[in-house]
Amino acid sequence: MPTMRQRHTHSHTHQRRSHHALKAQVFGLCDKCGQAVQPHRVCPNCGTYQGREVIDVLKKLTKKERKDKQKEMAEQEKEAKKMDMESLSVK
């Protein structure tokens, strides 16, 4: 004959579920374009990892999109260099 199932109190249930919360993701900045990137991942914007190009991002785009992306990446590189120069001059 089966035994009755014991109910758990609300506090017991909540204590068990206390570890189910999601943690905030940590992001760093890409060295080349300055985009937010997860650590140990390839930058989805420029395709670089640890200072070298791993994925050719422009290869997948059409000719017009490729041209626009190249302009955008050049502007981002200029901004990143400008920020580096400003940080060096501040110190």
N, C-alpha and C. Protein backbone atom coordinates (compact mmCIF):
# COMPACT_ATOMS: atom_id res chain seq x y z
N MET A 1 0.84 -1.18 0.00
CA MET A 1 0.00 0.00 0.00
C MET A 1 0.89 1.25 0.00
N PRO A 2 0.66 2.20 -0.92
CA PRO A 2 1.53 3.39 -1.00
C PRO A 2 1.31 4.33 0.18
N THR A 3 2.37 5.03 0.51
CA THR A 3 2.28 6.00 1.59
C THR A 3 1.88 7.36 1.05
N MET A 4 1.36 8.19 1.91
CA MET A 4 0.95 9.54 1.52
C MET A 4 2.20 10.38 1.23
N ARG A 5 2.10 11.20 0.25
CA ARG A 5 3.22 12.07 -0.09
C ARG A 5 3.22 13.26 0.85
N GLN A 6 4.37 13.56 1.40
CA GLN A 6 4.47 14.68 2.33
C GLN A 6 4.63 15.99 1.55
N ARG A 7 3.87 16.98 1.97
CA ARG A 7 3.98 18.30 1.34
C ARG A 7 5.14 19.07 1.94
N HIS A 8 5.77 19.90 1.12
CA HIS A 8 6.82 20.77 1.62
C HIS A 8 6.24 22.15 1.84
N THR A 9 6.75 22.85 2.83
CA THR A 9 6.27 24.20 3.11
C THR A 9 6.75 25.14 2.00
N HIS A 10 6.14 26.33 1.95
CA HIS A 10 6.52 27.32 0.95
C HIS A 10 7.98 27.73 1.14
N SER A 11 8.40 27.87 2.39
CA SER A 11 9.79 28.30 2.64
C SER A 11 10.77 27.23 2.17
N HIS A 12 10.44 25.97 2.36
CA HIS A 12 11.32 24.90 1.91
C HIS A 12 11.45 24.93 0.39
N THR A 13 10.33 25.12 -0.30
CA THR A 13 10.33 25.18 -1.76
C THR A 13 11.16 26.37 -2.24
N HIS A 14 10.97 27.53 -1.63
CA HIS A 14 11.70 28.74 -2.04
C HIS A 14 13.20 28.60 -1.75
N GLN A 15 13.55 27.96 -0.65
CA GLN A 15 14.96 27.76 -0.34
C GLN A 15 15.61 26.85 -1.38
N ARG A 16 14.90 25.85 -1.83
CA ARG A 16 15.43 24.95 -2.84
C ARG A 16 15.65 25.69 -4.16
N ARG A 17 14.74 26.61 -4.47
CA ARG A 17 14.81 27.33 -5.74
C ARG A 17 15.70 28.57 -5.68
N SER A 18 16.35 28.82 -4.56
CA SER A 18 17.16 30.03 -4.41
C SER A 18 18.34 30.03 -5.38
N HIS A 19 18.76 28.89 -5.87
CA HIS A 19 19.90 28.81 -6.78
C HIS A 19 19.49 28.86 -8.25
N HIS A 20 18.22 29.06 -8.52
CA HIS A 20 17.74 29.05 -9.90
C HIS A 20 17.82 30.42 -10.57
N ALA A 21 18.26 31.43 -9.86
CA ALA A 21 18.30 32.79 -10.41
C ALA A 21 19.35 32.88 -11.51
N LEU A 22 19.11 33.75 -12.51
CA LEU A 22 20.05 33.97 -13.58
C LEU A 22 21.11 34.97 -13.13
N LYS A 23 22.31 34.77 -13.58
CA LYS A 23 23.41 35.68 -13.26
C LYS A 23 23.57 36.69 -14.39
N ALA A 24 24.01 37.89 -14.06
CA ALA A 24 24.24 38.92 -15.06
C ALA A 24 25.45 38.54 -15.91
N GLN A 25 25.36 38.78 -17.23
CA GLN A 25 26.46 38.47 -18.12
C GLN A 25 27.53 39.54 -18.03
N VAL A 26 28.78 39.12 -18.19
CA VAL A 26 29.91 40.04 -18.13
C VAL A 26 30.39 40.30 -19.55
N PHE A 27 30.60 41.57 -19.87
CA PHE A 27 31.07 41.93 -21.20
C PHE A 27 32.35 42.74 -21.10
N GLY A 28 33.20 42.57 -22.08
CA GLY A 28 34.39 43.39 -22.22
C GLY A 28 34.26 44.17 -23.52
N LEU A 29 35.29 44.92 -23.87
CA LEU A 29 35.26 45.69 -25.11
C LEU A 29 36.25 45.08 -26.10
N CYS A 30 35.84 45.04 -27.35
CA CYS A 30 36.71 44.55 -28.41
C CYS A 30 37.85 45.55 -28.59
N ASP A 31 39.08 45.04 -28.75
CA ASP A 31 40.24 45.91 -28.91
C ASP A 31 40.21 46.66 -30.23
N LYS A 32 39.64 46.05 -31.25
CA LYS A 32 39.68 46.66 -32.58
C LYS A 32 38.55 47.65 -32.80
N CYS A 33 37.31 47.23 -32.49
CA CYS A 33 36.16 48.08 -32.83
C CYS A 33 35.48 48.70 -31.61
N GLY A 34 35.78 48.24 -30.40
CA GLY A 34 35.19 48.82 -29.20
C GLY A 34 33.79 48.33 -28.89
N GLN A 35 33.33 47.30 -29.58
CA GLN A 35 32.00 46.72 -29.36
C GLN A 35 32.03 45.84 -28.11
N ALA A 36 30.89 45.72 -27.42
CA ALA A 36 30.80 44.86 -26.25
C ALA A 36 30.86 43.39 -26.69
N VAL A 37 31.75 42.61 -26.04
CA VAL A 37 31.97 41.22 -26.42
C VAL A 37 32.10 40.38 -25.15
N GLN A 38 31.54 39.18 -25.18
CA GLN A 38 31.72 38.26 -24.06
C GLN A 38 33.17 37.77 -24.04
N PRO A 39 33.70 37.49 -22.85
CA PRO A 39 35.09 37.03 -22.79
C PRO A 39 35.29 35.69 -23.49
N HIS A 40 36.45 35.53 -24.11
CA HIS A 40 36.84 34.30 -24.81
C HIS A 40 35.91 33.98 -25.96
N ARG A 41 35.37 35.02 -26.62
CA ARG A 41 34.50 34.85 -27.79
C ARG A 41 35.01 35.74 -28.92
N VAL A 42 34.74 35.35 -30.14
CA VAL A 42 35.08 36.16 -31.30
C VAL A 42 34.11 37.33 -31.37
N CYS A 43 34.62 38.50 -31.73
CA CYS A 43 33.78 39.69 -31.85
C CYS A 43 32.85 39.50 -33.05
N PRO A 44 31.52 39.57 -32.86
CA PRO A 44 30.61 39.37 -33.99
C PRO A 44 30.62 40.55 -34.96
N ASN A 45 31.10 41.70 -34.52
CA ASN A 45 31.09 42.89 -35.37
C ASN A 45 32.25 42.89 -36.36
N CYS A 46 33.48 42.62 -35.87
CA CYS A 46 34.65 42.70 -36.75
C CYS A 46 35.32 41.35 -36.98
N GLY A 47 34.97 40.32 -36.21
CA GLY A 47 35.51 38.97 -36.43
C GLY A 47 36.91 38.75 -35.89
N THR A 48 37.34 39.55 -34.91
CA THR A 48 38.69 39.38 -34.36
C THR A 48 38.65 38.69 -33.00
N TYR A 49 39.75 38.01 -32.69
CA TYR A 49 39.93 37.39 -31.39
C TYR A 49 41.40 37.53 -31.01
N GLN A 50 41.66 38.13 -29.88
CA GLN A 50 43.00 38.38 -29.37
C GLN A 50 43.88 39.11 -30.39
N GLY A 51 43.30 40.12 -31.04
CA GLY A 51 44.06 40.98 -31.94
C GLY A 51 44.27 40.46 -33.35
N ARG A 52 43.76 39.28 -33.67
CA ARG A 52 43.91 38.78 -35.04
C ARG A 52 42.55 38.44 -35.62
N GLU A 53 42.42 38.56 -36.93
CA GLU A 53 41.14 38.31 -37.60
C GLU A 53 40.94 36.81 -37.75
N VAL A 54 39.85 36.32 -37.18
CA VAL A 54 39.55 34.89 -37.20
C VAL A 54 38.47 34.60 -38.24
N ILE A 55 37.47 35.47 -38.30
CA ILE A 55 36.35 35.30 -39.22
C ILE A 55 36.31 36.49 -40.17
N ASP A 56 36.14 36.22 -41.45
CA ASP A 56 35.99 37.30 -42.42
C ASP A 56 34.52 37.68 -42.47
N VAL A 57 34.18 38.73 -41.74
CA VAL A 57 32.79 39.15 -41.60
C VAL A 57 32.26 39.70 -42.92
N LEU A 58 33.12 40.36 -43.69
CA LEU A 58 32.70 40.99 -44.94
C LEU A 58 32.38 39.97 -46.03
N LYS A 59 32.90 38.77 -45.92
CA LYS A 59 32.72 37.75 -46.95
C LYS A 59 31.24 37.37 -47.14
N LYS A 60 30.47 37.42 -46.06
CA LYS A 60 29.07 36.98 -46.11
C LYS A 60 28.12 38.05 -46.64
N LEU A 61 28.61 39.29 -46.77
CA LEU A 61 27.74 40.41 -47.13
C LEU A 61 27.72 40.65 -48.63
N THR A 62 26.68 41.37 -49.09
CA THR A 62 26.63 41.77 -50.49
C THR A 62 27.61 42.92 -50.70
N LYS A 63 27.79 43.31 -51.96
CA LYS A 63 28.79 44.33 -52.28
C LYS A 63 28.48 45.66 -51.61
N LYS A 64 27.21 46.08 -51.62
CA LYS A 64 26.83 47.36 -51.02
C LYS A 64 26.98 47.30 -49.49
N GLU A 65 26.51 46.21 -48.89
CA GLU A 65 26.64 46.05 -47.44
C GLU A 65 28.11 46.01 -47.02
N ARG A 66 28.95 45.38 -47.85
CA ARG A 66 30.38 45.28 -47.57
C ARG A 66 31.02 46.67 -47.54
N LYS A 67 30.65 47.50 -48.50
CA LYS A 67 31.20 48.85 -48.58
C LYS A 67 30.79 49.67 -47.36
N ASP A 68 29.52 49.59 -46.99
CA ASP A 68 29.03 50.31 -45.81
C ASP A 68 29.72 49.82 -44.55
N LYS A 69 29.90 48.51 -44.43
CA LYS A 69 30.52 47.93 -43.24
C LYS A 69 31.99 48.36 -43.12
N GLN A 70 32.69 48.44 -44.26
CA GLN A 70 34.08 48.86 -44.24
C GLN A 70 34.20 50.30 -43.74
N LYS A 71 33.29 51.17 -44.20
CA LYS A 71 33.29 52.56 -43.73
C LYS A 71 33.03 52.61 -42.23
N GLU A 72 32.04 51.85 -41.78
CA GLU A 72 31.68 51.82 -40.37
C GLU A 72 32.84 51.32 -39.51
N MET A 73 33.52 50.26 -39.96
CA MET A 73 34.63 49.71 -39.21
C MET A 73 35.81 50.69 -39.16
N ALA A 74 36.04 51.41 -40.24
CA ALA A 74 37.12 52.40 -40.26
C ALA A 74 36.83 53.52 -39.26
N GLU A 75 35.59 53.96 -39.20
CA GLU A 75 35.21 55.00 -38.24
C GLU A 75 35.37 54.51 -36.80
N GLN A 76 34.98 53.27 -36.55
CA GLN A 76 35.10 52.71 -35.20
C GLN A 76 36.56 52.58 -34.79
N GLU A 77 37.43 52.20 -35.74
CA GLU A 77 38.86 52.09 -35.44
C GLU A 77 39.43 53.46 -35.11
N LYS A 78 39.01 54.50 -35.84
CA LYS A 78 39.48 55.86 -35.57
C LYS A 78 39.05 56.30 -34.17
N GLU A 79 37.80 55.99 -33.81
CA GLU A 79 37.29 56.36 -32.48
C GLU A 79 38.05 55.61 -31.38
N ALA A 80 38.34 54.33 -31.61
CA ALA A 80 39.06 53.54 -30.62
C ALA A 80 40.48 54.09 -30.43
N LYS A 81 41.14 54.45 -31.53
CA LYS A 81 42.49 55.02 -31.44
C LYS A 81 42.45 56.36 -30.73
N LYS A 82 41.41 57.16 -31.02
CA LYS A 82 41.26 58.46 -30.38
C LYS A 82 41.09 58.28 -28.86
N MET A 83 40.26 57.30 -28.47
CA MET A 83 40.05 57.03 -27.05
C MET A 83 41.35 56.58 -26.39
N ASP A 84 42.15 55.76 -27.09
CA ASP A 84 43.43 55.32 -26.54
C ASP A 84 44.38 56.49 -26.36
N MET A 85 44.43 57.37 -27.32
CA MET A 85 45.30 58.54 -27.23
C MET A 85 44.87 59.45 -26.08
N GLU A 86 43.54 59.61 -25.91
CA GLU A 86 43.04 60.44 -24.81
C GLU A 86 43.37 59.82 -23.46
N SER A 87 43.24 58.50 -23.37
CA SER A 87 43.54 57.85 -22.09
C SER A 87 45.03 57.94 -21.76
N LEU A 88 45.89 57.92 -22.78
CA LEU A 88 47.32 58.06 -22.54
C LEU A 88 47.68 59.48 -22.12
N SER A 89 47.00 60.48 -22.72
CA SER A 89 47.31 61.86 -22.39
C SER A 89 46.80 62.25 -21.00
N VAL A 90 45.74 61.60 -20.53
CA VAL A 90 45.19 61.87 -19.21
C VAL A 90 46.13 61.38 -18.12
N LYS A 91 46.76 60.24 -18.34
CA LYS A 91 47.67 59.67 -17.34
C LYS A 91 48.92 60.45 -17.32
